[in-house]
Amino acid sequence: MTDGDDGSARDARREGDDRSWFERFVEAAYVRVSGPAMFFLCVGIVAVWLLSVPWWTDLKEWQVAIHTVASVLTLLLVVLLENASRRAEEAAQEKLNVLAEGLAALMESGAVDDPRLHEAARDLRRAVGLEERH
């Protein structure tokens, strides 16, 4: 796929995008956080923190500063990444459900010749609903 193809596919998704602003934000943040720029930003923060030691009068405050920044960043990133992970899991489950339903329909169409297929298709459809019961 060329860059032009990717851009047009992205534009088409935006036109029919009915997700909330938060869902779009989470996806954009996930893409950026999982890239090398975020890693180098974190390395830069640590480097600035290390180089700032001469300007701190109390080393405990110096340590608390990095711990606070790291804790806040970690909390925000965990929430965003967990949200992205949950949505990806739900999408994968939906795809599996569609595949299973299609397979069950195919099995039903062949059940005329083999009655065991009818029972197997019923079991498959029952299994598709498992995530709804748990």
C-alpha atoms as a PDB file:
ATOM      1  CA  MET A   1       0.000   0.000   0.000  1.00  0.00           C
ATOM      2  CA  THR A   2       1.386   3.397  -0.901  1.00  0.00           C
ATOM      3  CA  ASP A   3       1.288   6.490   1.271  1.00  0.00           C
ATOM      4  CA  GLY A   4      -1.464   7.949  -0.915  1.00  0.00           C
ATOM      5  CA  ASP A   5      -3.590   4.829  -0.453  1.00  0.00           C
ATOM      6  CA  ASP A   6      -3.129   4.952   3.308  1.00  0.00           C
ATOM      7  CA  GLY A   7      -4.150   8.613   3.449  1.00  0.00           C
ATOM      8  CA  SER A   8      -7.298   8.088   1.396  1.00  0.00           C
ATOM      9  CA  ALA A   9      -8.285   5.095   3.523  1.00  0.00           C
ATOM     10  CA  ARG A  10      -7.770   7.190   6.630  1.00  0.00           C
ATOM     11  CA  ASP A  11      -9.909  10.008   5.176  1.00  0.00           C
ATOM     12  CA  ALA A  12     -12.685   7.541   4.323  1.00  0.00           C
ATOM     13  CA  ARG A  13     -12.653   6.264   7.904  1.00  0.00           C
ATOM     14  CA  ARG A  14     -12.933   9.808   9.243  1.00  0.00           C
ATOM     15  CA  GLU A  15     -15.997  10.554   7.125  1.00  0.00           C
ATOM     16  CA  GLY A  16     -17.938   7.583   8.536  1.00  0.00           C
ATOM     17  CA  ASP A  17     -16.364   7.753  11.992  1.00  0.00           C
ATOM     18  CA  ASP A  18     -19.089   7.667  14.631  1.00  0.00           C
ATOM     19  CA  ARG A  19     -16.742   7.201  17.599  1.00  0.00           C
ATOM     20  CA  SER A  20     -16.680   9.667  20.471  1.00  0.00           C
ATOM     21  CA  TRP A  21     -13.960  12.295  20.734  1.00  0.00           C
ATOM     22  CA  PHE A  22     -12.432  10.309  23.611  1.00  0.00           C
ATOM     23  CA  GLU A  23     -12.204   7.118  21.535  1.00  0.00           C
ATOM     24  CA  ARG A  24     -10.508   9.026  18.710  1.00  0.00           C
ATOM     25  CA  PHE A  25      -8.174  10.677  21.251  1.00  0.00           C
ATOM     26  CA  VAL A  26      -7.266   7.299  22.784  1.00  0.00           C
ATOM     27  CA  GLU A  27      -6.438   5.859  19.364  1.00  0.00           C
ATOM     28  CA  ALA A  28      -4.280   8.864  18.444  1.00  0.00           C
ATOM     29  CA  ALA A  29      -2.533   8.774  21.837  1.00  0.00           C
ATOM     30  CA  TYR A  30      -1.958   5.018  21.550  1.00  0.00           C
ATOM     31  CA  VAL A  31      -0.275   5.447  18.169  1.00  0.00           C
ATOM     32  CA  ARG A  32       1.980   8.217  19.452  1.00  0.00           C
ATOM     33  CA  VAL A  33       2.779   6.646  22.828  1.00  0.00           C
ATOM     34  CA  SER A  34       3.800   3.350  21.249  1.00  0.00           C
ATOM     35  CA  GLY A  35       6.281   5.052  18.923  1.00  0.00           C
ATOM     36  CA  PRO A  36       9.932   5.972  19.366  1.00  0.00           C
ATOM     37  CA  ALA A  37       9.156   9.672  19.939  1.00  0.00           C
ATOM     38  CA  MET A  38       7.599   8.913  23.339  1.00  0.00           C
ATOM     39  CA  PHE A  39      10.609   6.857  24.358  1.00  0.00           C
ATOM     40  CA  PHE A  40      12.986   9.665  23.468  1.00  0.00           C
ATOM     41  CA  LEU A  41      10.749  12.198  25.224  1.00  0.00           C
ATOM     42  CA  CYS A  42      10.988  10.115  28.410  1.00  0.00           C
ATOM     43  CA  VAL A  43      14.755   9.816  28.014  1.00  0.00           C
ATOM     44  CA  GLY A  44      14.876  13.606  27.600  1.00  0.00           C
ATOM     45  CA  ILE A  45      12.827  14.155  30.764  1.00  0.00           C
ATOM     46  CA  VAL A  46      15.188  11.912  32.732  1.00  0.00           C
ATOM     47  CA  ALA A  47      18.255  13.653  31.230  1.00  0.00           C
ATOM     48  CA  VAL A  48      16.893  17.106  32.150  1.00  0.00           C
ATOM     49  CA  TRP A  49      16.092  15.817  35.618  1.00  0.00           C
ATOM     50  CA  LEU A  50      19.614  14.444  36.062  1.00  0.00           C
ATOM     51  CA  LEU A  51      21.208  17.651  34.800  1.00  0.00           C
ATOM     52  CA  SER A  52      19.034  19.762  37.114  1.00  0.00           C
ATOM     53  CA  VAL A  53      20.545  18.407  40.325  1.00  0.00           C
ATOM     54  CA  PRO A  54      22.757  21.480  40.924  1.00  0.00           C
ATOM     55  CA  TRP A  55      19.687  23.777  41.048  1.00  0.00           C
ATOM     56  CA  TRP A  56      17.971  21.813  43.830  1.00  0.00           C
ATOM     57  CA  THR A  57      18.839  22.627  47.418  1.00  0.00           C
ATOM     58  CA  ASP A  58      17.331  19.447  48.778  1.00  0.00           C
ATOM     59  CA  LEU A  59      18.047  16.131  47.045  1.00  0.00           C
ATOM     60  CA  LYS A  60      14.865  14.607  48.466  1.00  0.00           C
ATOM     61  CA  GLU A  61      12.799  17.247  46.671  1.00  0.00           C
ATOM     62  CA  TRP A  62      14.803  16.510  43.516  1.00  0.00           C
ATOM     63  CA  GLN A  63      13.863  12.827  43.773  1.00  0.00           C
ATOM     64  CA  VAL A  64      10.226  13.599  44.601  1.00  0.00           C
ATOM     65  CA  ALA A  65      10.001  15.734  41.460  1.00  0.00           C
ATOM     66  CA  ILE A  66      10.879  12.840  39.112  1.00  0.00           C
ATOM     67  CA  HIS A  67       8.732  10.399  41.074  1.00  0.00           C
ATOM     68  CA  THR A  68       5.735  12.715  40.802  1.00  0.00           C
ATOM     69  CA  VAL A  69       6.207  13.265  37.074  1.00  0.00           C
ATOM     70  CA  ALA A  70       6.698   9.538  36.499  1.00  0.00           C
ATOM     71  CA  SER A  71       3.652   8.600  38.586  1.00  0.00           C
ATOM     72  CA  VAL A  72       1.335  11.035  36.825  1.00  0.00           C
ATOM     73  CA  LEU A  73       2.604  10.004  33.382  1.00  0.00           C
ATOM     74  CA  THR A  74       2.260   6.327  34.265  1.00  0.00           C
ATOM     75  CA  LEU A  75      -1.292   6.713  35.536  1.00  0.00           C
ATOM     76  CA  LEU A  76      -2.434   8.574  32.422  1.00  0.00           C
ATOM     77  CA  LEU A  77      -0.731   6.166  30.048  1.00  0.00           C
ATOM     78  CA  VAL A  78      -2.060   3.069  31.809  1.00  0.00           C
ATOM     79  CA  VAL A  79      -5.629   4.375  31.582  1.00  0.00           C
ATOM     80  CA  LEU A  80      -5.251   5.244  27.890  1.00  0.00           C
ATOM     81  CA  LEU A  81      -3.532   1.991  26.972  1.00  0.00           C
ATOM     82  CA  GLU A  82      -6.018  -0.143  28.909  1.00  0.00           C
ATOM     83  CA  ASN A  83      -8.880   1.590  27.121  1.00  0.00           C
ATOM     84  CA  ALA A  84      -7.248   0.954  23.743  1.00  0.00           C
ATOM     85  CA  SER A  85      -6.566  -2.657  24.712  1.00  0.00           C
ATOM     86  CA  ARG A  86     -10.169  -3.240  25.812  1.00  0.00           C
ATOM     87  CA  ARG A  87     -11.535  -1.841  22.554  1.00  0.00           C
ATOM     88  CA  ALA A  88      -9.111  -3.953  20.503  1.00  0.00           C
ATOM     89  CA  GLU A  89     -10.199  -7.042  22.433  1.00  0.00           C
ATOM     90  CA  GLU A  90     -13.876  -6.252  21.855  1.00  0.00           C
ATOM     91  CA  ALA A  91     -13.253  -5.764  18.131  1.00  0.00           C
ATOM     92  CA  ALA A  92     -11.402  -9.085  17.892  1.00  0.00           C
ATOM     93  CA  GLN A  93     -14.223 -10.847  19.755  1.00  0.00           C
ATOM     94  CA  GLU A  94     -16.797  -9.354  17.395  1.00  0.00           C
ATOM     95  CA  LYS A  95     -14.812 -10.618  14.399  1.00  0.00           C
ATOM     96  CA  LEU A  96     -14.636 -14.092  15.929  1.00  0.00           C
ATOM     97  CA  ASN A  97     -18.391 -14.027  16.546  1.00  0.00           C
ATOM     98  CA  VAL A  98     -19.079 -13.124  12.917  1.00  0.00           C
ATOM     99  CA  LEU A  99     -16.784 -15.915  11.709  1.00  0.00           C
ATOM    100  CA  ALA A 100     -18.419 -18.420  14.043  1.00  0.00           C
ATOM    101  CA  GLU A 101     -21.901 -17.369  12.961  1.00  0.00           C
ATOM    102  CA  GLY A 102     -20.903 -17.760   9.308  1.00  0.00           C
ATOM    103  CA  LEU A 103     -19.450 -21.187  10.007  1.00  0.00           C
ATOM    104  CA  ALA A 104     -22.617 -22.184  11.870  1.00  0.00           C
ATOM    105  CA  ALA A 105     -24.746 -21.080   8.902  1.00  0.00           C
ATOM    106  CA  LEU A 106     -22.522 -23.068   6.557  1.00  0.00           C
ATOM    107  CA  MET A 107     -22.834 -26.107   8.821  1.00  0.00           C
ATOM    108  CA  GLU A 108     -26.626 -25.707   8.916  1.00  0.00           C
ATOM    109  CA  SER A 109     -26.744 -25.705   5.132  1.00  0.00           C
ATOM    110  CA  GLY A 110     -24.970 -29.066   5.098  1.00  0.00           C
ATOM    111  CA  ALA A 111     -27.038 -30.503   7.963  1.00  0.00           C
ATOM    112  CA  VAL A 112     -29.477 -32.081   5.504  1.00  0.00           C
ATOM    113  CA  ASP A 113     -26.845 -34.658   4.604  1.00  0.00           C
ATOM    114  CA  ASP A 114     -25.347 -35.029   8.095  1.00  0.00           C
ATOM    115  CA  PRO A 115     -27.584 -34.570  11.177  1.00  0.00           C
ATOM    116  CA  ARG A 116     -24.505 -34.241  13.416  1.00  0.00           C
ATOM    117  CA  LEU A 117     -23.773 -30.917  11.720  1.00  0.00           C
ATOM    118  CA  HIS A 118     -27.094 -29.518  12.961  1.00  0.00           C
ATOM    119  CA  GLU A 119     -26.127 -30.307  16.560  1.00  0.00           C
ATOM    120  CA  ALA A 120     -22.587 -28.953  16.049  1.00  0.00           C
ATOM    121  CA  ALA A 121     -23.972 -25.715  14.572  1.00  0.00           C
ATOM    122  CA  ARG A 122     -26.296 -25.326  17.568  1.00  0.00           C
ATOM    123  CA  ASP A 123     -23.362 -25.849  19.944  1.00  0.00           C
ATOM    124  CA  LEU A 124     -21.300 -23.305  18.012  1.00  0.00           C
ATOM    125  CA  ARG A 125     -24.070 -20.704  18.187  1.00  0.00           C
ATOM    126  CA  ARG A 126     -24.413 -21.345  21.911  1.00  0.00           C
ATOM    127  CA  ALA A 127     -20.643 -20.878  22.329  1.00  0.00           C
ATOM    128  CA  VAL A 128     -20.769 -17.542  20.471  1.00  0.00           C
ATOM    129  CA  GLY A 129     -22.981 -16.215  23.268  1.00  0.00           C
ATOM    130  CA  LEU A 130     -20.543 -17.275  26.004  1.00  0.00           C
ATOM    131  CA  GLU A 131     -18.949 -13.826  26.404  1.00  0.00           C
ATOM    132  CA  GLU A 132     -22.404 -12.331  26.941  1.00  0.00           C
ATOM    133  CA  ARG A 133     -23.035 -14.714  29.838  1.00  0.00           C
ATOM    134  CA  HIS A 134     -19.710 -14.081  31.578  1.00  0.00           C
END
